[in-house]
Amino acid sequence: MSPLRWDVLAVGLLLALPLLALGLRGDLSLDEVAVRLPWCLLAAWAAVALLRWAGAPRRPPAPADADPERATPPA
């Protein structure tokens, strides 16, 4: 999954809003904000990946006795 997908960027922006607010307020310098912004993108990528994994439909397990070489195609 690419870290530059629209959903990852949207979540990254949402996670970066408090950081940007602290930078605008003067509590963090520009250097500190610039260093911490990639961590917001990384956290967004991890959150979206976790939600996509948790939301994926589960596949039923294949029967253990099924042999793909001996299987006959359905008619």
PDB file of N, CA and C in Angstrom:
ATOM      1  N   MET A   1       0.848  -1.170   0.000  1.00  0.00           N
ATOM      2  CA  MET A   1       0.000   0.000   0.000  1.00  0.00           C
ATOM      3  C   MET A   1       0.899   1.240   0.000  1.00  0.00           C
ATOM      4  N   SER A   2       0.630   2.111  -0.898  1.00  0.00           N
ATOM      5  CA  SER A   2       1.438   3.317  -1.041  1.00  0.00           C
ATOM      6  C   SER A   2       1.147   4.308   0.088  1.00  0.00           C
ATOM      7  N   PRO A   3       2.176   4.970   0.622  1.00  0.00           N
ATOM      8  CA  PRO A   3       1.922   5.972   1.657  1.00  0.00           C
ATOM      9  C   PRO A   3       1.355   7.275   1.097  1.00  0.00           C
ATOM     10  N   LEU A   4       1.224   7.370  -0.225  1.00  0.00           N
ATOM     11  CA  LEU A   4       0.699   8.595  -0.821  1.00  0.00           C
ATOM     12  C   LEU A   4      -0.719   8.409  -1.359  1.00  0.00           C
ATOM     13  N   ARG A   5      -1.461   7.460  -0.827  1.00  0.00           N
ATOM     14  CA  ARG A   5      -2.867   7.299  -1.195  1.00  0.00           C
ATOM     15  C   ARG A   5      -3.666   8.425  -0.575  1.00  0.00           C
ATOM     16  N   TRP A   6      -4.836   8.727  -1.151  1.00  0.00           N
ATOM     17  CA  TRP A   6      -5.630   9.862  -0.666  1.00  0.00           C
ATOM     18  C   TRP A   6      -6.117   9.628   0.760  1.00  0.00           C
ATOM     19  N   ASP A   7      -6.459   8.384   1.115  1.00  0.00           N
ATOM     20  CA  ASP A   7      -6.947   8.145   2.466  1.00  0.00           C
ATOM     21  C   ASP A   7      -5.826   8.272   3.496  1.00  0.00           C
ATOM     22  N   VAL A   8      -4.618   7.856   3.137  1.00  0.00           N
ATOM     23  CA  VAL A   8      -3.483   8.002   4.046  1.00  0.00           C
ATOM     24  C   VAL A   8      -3.137   9.483   4.216  1.00  0.00           C
ATOM     25  N   LEU A   9      -3.157  10.225   3.120  1.00  0.00           N
ATOM     26  CA  LEU A   9      -2.859  11.657   3.219  1.00  0.00           C
ATOM     27  C   LEU A   9      -3.909  12.402   4.024  1.00  0.00           C
ATOM     28  N   ALA A  10      -5.176  12.016   3.882  1.00  0.00           N
ATOM     29  CA  ALA A  10      -6.246  12.676   4.645  1.00  0.00           C
ATOM     30  C   ALA A  10      -6.098  12.400   6.139  1.00  0.00           C
ATOM     31  N   VAL A  11      -5.820  11.157   6.497  1.00  0.00           N
ATOM     32  CA  VAL A  11      -5.628  10.823   7.916  1.00  0.00           C
ATOM     33  C   VAL A  11      -4.355  11.493   8.435  1.00  0.00           C
ATOM     34  N   GLY A  12      -3.314  11.549   7.603  1.00  0.00           N
ATOM     35  CA  GLY A  12      -2.085  12.229   8.004  1.00  0.00           C
ATOM     36  C   GLY A  12      -2.311  13.705   8.278  1.00  0.00           C
ATOM     37  N   LEU A  13      -3.117  14.342   7.439  1.00  0.00           N
ATOM     38  CA  LEU A  13      -3.448  15.745   7.676  1.00  0.00           C
ATOM     39  C   LEU A  13      -4.250  15.906   8.961  1.00  0.00           C
ATOM     40  N   LEU A  14      -5.160  14.999   9.199  1.00  0.00           N
ATOM     41  CA  LEU A  14      -5.952  15.047  10.427  1.00  0.00           C
ATOM     42  C   LEU A  14      -5.060  14.878  11.660  1.00  0.00           C
ATOM     43  N   LEU A  15      -4.104  13.975  11.567  1.00  0.00           N
ATOM     44  CA  LEU A  15      -3.184  13.772  12.687  1.00  0.00           C
ATOM     45  C   LEU A  15      -2.193  14.926  12.840  1.00  0.00           C
ATOM     46  N   ALA A  16      -1.923  15.643  11.766  1.00  0.00           N
ATOM     47  CA  ALA A  16      -0.966  16.744  11.821  1.00  0.00           C
ATOM     48  C   ALA A  16      -1.597  18.053  12.287  1.00  0.00           C
ATOM     49  N   LEU A  17      -2.911  18.131  12.341  1.00  0.00           N
ATOM     50  CA  LEU A  17      -3.550  19.393  12.745  1.00  0.00           C
ATOM     51  C   LEU A  17      -3.112  19.883  14.124  1.00  0.00           C
ATOM     52  N   PRO A  18      -3.081  19.041  15.163  1.00  0.00           N
ATOM     53  CA  PRO A  18      -2.587  19.549  16.459  1.00  0.00           C
ATOM     54  C   PRO A  18      -1.129  20.004  16.396  1.00  0.00           C
ATOM     55  N   LEU A  19      -0.326  19.301  15.627  1.00  0.00           N
ATOM     56  CA  LEU A  19       1.076  19.680  15.477  1.00  0.00           C
ATOM     57  C   LEU A  19       1.201  21.039  14.790  1.00  0.00           C
ATOM     58  N   LEU A  20       0.426  21.226  13.739  1.00  0.00           N
ATOM     59  CA  LEU A  20       0.454  22.518  13.040  1.00  0.00           C
ATOM     60  C   LEU A  20      -0.078  23.638  13.928  1.00  0.00           C
ATOM     61  N   ALA A  21      -1.074  23.333  14.743  1.00  0.00           N
ATOM     62  CA  ALA A  21      -1.602  24.348  15.666  1.00  0.00           C
ATOM     63  C   ALA A  21      -0.550  24.740  16.703  1.00  0.00           C
ATOM     64  N   LEU A  22       0.189  23.767  17.201  1.00  0.00           N
ATOM     65  CA  LEU A  22       1.266  24.089  18.154  1.00  0.00           C
ATOM     66  C   LEU A  22       2.360  24.913  17.484  1.00  0.00           C
ATOM     67  N   GLY A  23       2.617  24.644  16.213  1.00  0.00           N
ATOM     68  CA  GLY A  23       3.608  25.441  15.497  1.00  0.00           C
ATOM     69  C   GLY A  23       3.132  26.863  15.265  1.00  0.00           C
ATOM     70  N   LEU A  24       1.849  27.019  14.930  1.00  0.00           N
ATOM     71  CA  LEU A  24       1.312  28.369  14.726  1.00  0.00           C
ATOM     72  C   LEU A  24       1.240  29.160  16.024  1.00  0.00           C
ATOM     73  N   ARG A  25       0.977  28.462  17.107  1.00  0.00           N
ATOM     74  CA  ARG A  25       0.868  29.137  18.400  1.00  0.00           C
ATOM     75  C   ARG A  25       2.234  29.548  18.942  1.00  0.00           C
ATOM     76  N   GLY A  26       3.291  28.924  18.438  1.00  0.00           N
ATOM     77  CA  GLY A  26       4.634  29.295  18.873  1.00  0.00           C
ATOM     78  C   GLY A  26       5.215  28.350  19.902  1.00  0.00           C
ATOM     79  N   ASP A  27       4.507  27.277  20.245  1.00  0.00           N
ATOM     80  CA  ASP A  27       5.036  26.324  21.216  1.00  0.00           C
ATOM     81  C   ASP A  27       6.135  25.450  20.615  1.00  0.00           C
ATOM     82  N   LEU A  28       6.070  25.221  19.313  1.00  0.00           N
ATOM     83  CA  LEU A  28       7.089  24.435  18.615  1.00  0.00           C
ATOM     84  C   LEU A  28       7.718  25.294  17.532  1.00  0.00           C
ATOM     85  N   SER A  29       9.010  25.107  17.345  1.00  0.00           N
ATOM     86  CA  SER A  29       9.684  25.852  16.280  1.00  0.00           C
ATOM     87  C   SER A  29       9.387  25.200  14.940  1.00  0.00           C
ATOM     88  N   LEU A  30       9.740  25.877  13.882  1.00  0.00           N
ATOM     89  CA  LEU A  30       9.525  25.352  12.537  1.00  0.00           C
ATOM     90  C   LEU A  30      10.314  24.066  12.317  1.00  0.00           C
ATOM     91  N   ASP A  31      11.514  23.995  12.879  1.00  0.00           N
ATOM     92  CA  ASP A  31      12.331  22.782  12.757  1.00  0.00           C
ATOM     93  C   ASP A  31      11.667  21.604  13.452  1.00  0.00           C
ATOM     94  N   GLU A  32      11.119  21.825  14.637  1.00  0.00           N
ATOM     95  CA  GLU A  32      10.454  20.742  15.367  1.00  0.00           C
ATOM     96  C   GLU A  32       9.211  20.258  14.629  1.00  0.00           C
ATOM     97  N   VAL A  33       8.474  21.164  14.057  1.00  0.00           N
ATOM     98  CA  VAL A  33       7.278  20.785  13.295  1.00  0.00           C
ATOM     99  C   VAL A  33       7.682  19.983  12.062  1.00  0.00           C
ATOM    100  N   ALA A  34       8.723  20.437  11.369  1.00  0.00           N
ATOM    101  CA  ALA A  34       9.159  19.744  10.154  1.00  0.00           C
ATOM    102  C   ALA A  34       9.692  18.347  10.466  1.00  0.00           C
ATOM    103  N   VAL A  35      10.313  18.174  11.627  1.00  0.00           N
ATOM    104  CA  VAL A  35      10.830  16.862  12.000  1.00  0.00           C
ATOM    105  C   VAL A  35       9.696  15.918  12.370  1.00  0.00           C
ATOM    106  N   ARG A  36       8.634  16.431  12.949  1.00  0.00           N
ATOM    107  CA  ARG A  36       7.538  15.578  13.428  1.00  0.00           C
ATOM    108  C   ARG A  36       6.467  15.297  12.378  1.00  0.00           C
ATOM    109  N   LEU A  37       6.422  16.058  11.311  1.00  0.00           N
ATOM    110  CA  LEU A  37       5.397  15.828  10.282  1.00  0.00           C
ATOM    111  C   LEU A  37       5.502  14.450   9.609  1.00  0.00           C
ATOM    112  N   PRO A  38       6.682  13.949   9.284  1.00  0.00           N
ATOM    113  CA  PRO A  38       6.729  12.591   8.698  1.00  0.00           C
ATOM    114  C   PRO A  38       6.179  11.513   9.628  1.00  0.00           C
ATOM    115  N   TRP A  39       6.287  11.730  10.940  1.00  0.00           N
ATOM    116  CA  TRP A  39       5.728  10.758  11.877  1.00  0.00           C
ATOM    117  C   TRP A  39       4.207  10.728  11.791  1.00  0.00           C
ATOM    118  N   CYS A  40       3.603  11.861  11.471  1.00  0.00           N
ATOM    119  CA  CYS A  40       2.148  11.889  11.278  1.00  0.00           C
ATOM    120  C   CYS A  40       1.765  11.065  10.051  1.00  0.00           C
ATOM    121  N   LEU A  41       2.547  11.162   8.989  1.00  0.00           N
ATOM    122  CA  LEU A  41       2.285  10.371   7.789  1.00  0.00           C
ATOM    123  C   LEU A  41       2.490   8.882   8.065  1.00  0.00           C
ATOM    124  N   LEU A  42       3.516   8.544   8.823  1.00  0.00           N
ATOM    125  CA  LEU A  42       3.761   7.148   9.169  1.00  0.00           C
ATOM    126  C   LEU A  42       2.635   6.598  10.044  1.00  0.00           C
ATOM    127  N   ALA A  43       2.182   7.371  11.014  1.00  0.00           N
ATOM    128  CA  ALA A  43       1.076   6.929  11.868  1.00  0.00           C
ATOM    129  C   ALA A  43      -0.207   6.785  11.060  1.00  0.00           C
ATOM    130  N   ALA A  44      -0.428   7.661  10.110  1.00  0.00           N
ATOM    131  CA  ALA A  44      -1.612   7.560   9.256  1.00  0.00           C
ATOM    132  C   ALA A  44      -1.540   6.314   8.390  1.00  0.00           C
ATOM    133  N   TRP A  45      -0.368   6.016   7.830  1.00  0.00           N
ATOM    134  CA  TRP A  45      -0.216   4.819   7.015  1.00  0.00           C
ATOM    135  C   TRP A  45      -0.489   3.568   7.840  1.00  0.00           C
ATOM    136  N   ALA A  46       0.020   3.543   9.079  1.00  0.00           N
ATOM    137  CA  ALA A  46      -0.191   2.385   9.947  1.00  0.00           C
ATOM    138  C   ALA A  46      -1.670   2.254  10.328  1.00  0.00           C
ATOM    139  N   ALA A  47      -2.329   3.367  10.618  1.00  0.00           N
ATOM    140  CA  ALA A  47      -3.741   3.319  10.992  1.00  0.00           C
ATOM    141  C   ALA A  47      -4.611   2.848   9.829  1.00  0.00           C
ATOM    142  N   VAL A  48      -4.351   3.363   8.645  1.00  0.00           N
ATOM    143  CA  VAL A  48      -5.138   2.950   7.475  1.00  0.00           C
ATOM    144  C   VAL A  48      -4.864   1.493   7.138  1.00  0.00           C
ATOM    145  N   ALA A  49      -3.618   1.060   7.241  1.00  0.00           N
ATOM    146  CA  ALA A  49      -3.298  -0.341   6.962  1.00  0.00           C
ATOM    147  C   ALA A  49      -3.990  -1.258   7.963  1.00  0.00           C
ATOM    148  N   LEU A  50      -4.022  -0.870   9.220  1.00  0.00           N
ATOM    149  CA  LEU A  50      -4.689  -1.675  10.239  1.00  0.00           C
ATOM    150  C   LEU A  50      -6.194  -1.727  10.003  1.00  0.00           C
ATOM    151  N   LEU A  51      -6.791  -0.607   9.658  1.00  0.00           N
ATOM    152  CA  LEU A  51      -8.230  -0.586   9.393  1.00  0.00           C
ATOM    153  C   LEU A  51      -8.584  -1.370   8.142  1.00  0.00           C
ATOM    154  N   ARG A  52      -7.742  -1.305   7.115  1.00  0.00           N
ATOM    155  CA  ARG A  52      -7.998  -2.098   5.902  1.00  0.00           C
ATOM    156  C   ARG A  52      -7.869  -3.585   6.194  1.00  0.00           C
ATOM    157  N   TRP A  53      -6.892  -3.963   7.017  1.00  0.00           N
ATOM    158  CA  TRP A  53      -6.719  -5.362   7.363  1.00  0.00           C
ATOM    159  C   TRP A  53      -7.900  -5.855   8.198  1.00  0.00           C
ATOM    160  N   ALA A  54      -8.328  -5.057   9.163  1.00  0.00           N
ATOM    161  CA  ALA A  54      -9.434  -5.464  10.033  1.00  0.00           C
ATOM    162  C   ALA A  54     -10.760  -5.479   9.280  1.00  0.00           C
ATOM    163  N   GLY A  55     -10.906  -4.642   8.283  1.00  0.00           N
ATOM    164  CA  GLY A  55     -12.154  -4.572   7.545  1.00  0.00           C
ATOM    165  C   GLY A  55     -12.251  -5.517   6.363  1.00  0.00           C
ATOM    166  N   ALA A  56     -11.170  -6.215   6.064  1.00  0.00           N
ATOM    167  CA  ALA A  56     -11.186  -7.135   4.924  1.00  0.00           C
ATOM    168  C   ALA A  56     -12.032  -8.356   5.258  1.00  0.00           C
ATOM    169  N   PRO A  57     -12.835  -8.826   4.308  1.00  0.00           N
ATOM    170  CA  PRO A  57     -13.639 -10.022   4.584  1.00  0.00           C
ATOM    171  C   PRO A  57     -12.739 -11.243   4.737  1.00  0.00           C
ATOM    172  N   ARG A  58     -13.145 -12.101   5.642  1.00  0.00           N
ATOM    173  CA  ARG A  58     -12.363 -13.309   5.887  1.00  0.00           C
ATOM    174  C   ARG A  58     -12.718 -14.370   4.868  1.00  0.00           C
ATOM    175  N   ARG A  59     -11.720 -15.084   4.413  1.00  0.00           N
ATOM    176  CA  ARG A  59     -11.940 -16.183   3.479  1.00  0.00           C
ATOM    177  C   ARG A  59     -12.070 -17.471   4.280  1.00  0.00           C
ATOM    178  N   PRO A  60     -12.989 -18.318   3.912  1.00  0.00           N
ATOM    179  CA  PRO A  60     -13.091 -19.592   4.636  1.00  0.00           C
ATOM    180  C   PRO A  60     -11.863 -20.446   4.346  1.00  0.00           C
ATOM    181  N   PRO A  61     -11.418 -21.209   5.331  1.00  0.00           N
ATOM    182  CA  PRO A  61     -10.235 -22.041   5.089  1.00  0.00           C
ATOM    183  C   PRO A  61     -10.547 -23.146   4.089  1.00  0.00           C
ATOM    184  N   ALA A  62      -9.547 -23.478   3.311  1.00  0.00           N
ATOM    185  CA  ALA A  62      -9.704 -24.545   2.329  1.00  0.00           C
ATOM    186  C   ALA A  62      -9.743 -25.885   3.053  1.00  0.00           C
ATOM    187  N   PRO A  63     -10.543 -26.816   2.561  1.00  0.00           N
ATOM    188  CA  PRO A  63     -10.562 -28.137   3.201  1.00  0.00           C
ATOM    189  C   PRO A  63      -9.185 -28.784   3.146  1.00  0.00           C
ATOM    190  N   ALA A  64      -8.825 -29.482   4.205  1.00  0.00           N
ATOM    191  CA  ALA A  64      -7.497 -30.074   4.293  1.00  0.00           C
ATOM    192  C   ALA A  64      -7.331 -31.241   3.329  1.00  0.00           C
ATOM    193  N   ASP A  65      -8.429 -31.925   3.012  1.00  0.00           N
ATOM    194  CA  ASP A  65      -8.305 -33.096   2.155  1.00  0.00           C
ATOM    195  C   ASP A  65      -8.432 -32.760   0.672  1.00  0.00           C
ATOM    196  N   ALA A  66      -8.598 -31.508   0.337  1.00  0.00           N
ATOM    197  CA  ALA A  66      -8.741 -31.118  -1.071  1.00  0.00           C
ATOM    198  C   ALA A  66      -7.382 -31.159  -1.756  1.00  0.00           C
ATOM    199  N   ASP A  67      -7.295 -31.940  -2.815  1.00  0.00           N
ATOM    200  CA  ASP A  67      -6.069 -32.048  -3.597  1.00  0.00           C
ATOM    201  C   ASP A  67      -6.324 -31.360  -4.937  1.00  0.00           C
ATOM    202  N   PRO A  68      -5.632 -30.247  -5.238  1.00  0.00           N
ATOM    203  CA  PRO A  68      -5.936 -29.512  -6.467  1.00  0.00           C
ATOM    204  C   PRO A  68      -5.645 -30.320  -7.733  1.00  0.00           C
ATOM    205  N   GLU A  69      -4.741 -31.299  -7.673  1.00  0.00           N
ATOM    206  CA  GLU A  69      -4.444 -32.102  -8.854  1.00  0.00           C
ATOM    207  C   GLU A  69      -5.540 -33.112  -9.158  1.00  0.00           C
ATOM    208  N   ARG A  70      -6.211 -33.599  -8.140  1.00  0.00           N
ATOM    209  CA  ARG A  70      -7.226 -34.624  -8.329  1.00  0.00           C
ATOM    210  C   ARG A  70      -8.633 -34.044  -8.369  1.00  0.00           C
ATOM    211  N   ALA A  71      -8.747 -32.755  -8.177  1.00  0.00           N
ATOM    212  CA  ALA A  71     -10.074 -32.146  -8.157  1.00  0.00           C
ATOM    213  C   ALA A  71     -10.674 -32.153  -9.561  1.00  0.00           C
ATOM    214  N   THR A  72     -11.937 -32.483  -9.630  1.00  0.00           N
ATOM    215  CA  THR A  72     -12.636 -32.472 -10.932  1.00  0.00           C
ATOM    216  C   THR A  72     -13.356 -31.151 -11.090  1.00  0.00           C
ATOM    217  N   PRO A  73     -13.324 -30.579 -12.275  1.00  0.00           N
ATOM    218  CA  PRO A  73     -14.003 -29.294 -12.470  1.00  0.00           C
ATOM    219  C   PRO A  73     -15.508 -29.498 -12.395  1.00  0.00           C
ATOM    220  N   PRO A  74     -16.218 -28.514 -11.816  1.00  0.00           N
ATOM    221  CA  PRO A  74     -17.683 -28.636 -11.721  1.00  0.00           C
ATOM    222  C   PRO A  74     -18.307 -28.595 -13.100  1.00  0.00           C
ATOM    223  N   ALA A  75     -19.355 -29.392 -13.269  1.00  0.00           N
ATOM    224  CA  ALA A  75     -20.028 -29.454 -14.581  1.00  0.00           C
ATOM    225  C   ALA A  75     -21.104 -28.421 -14.690  1.00  0.00           C
TER     226      ALA A  75
END
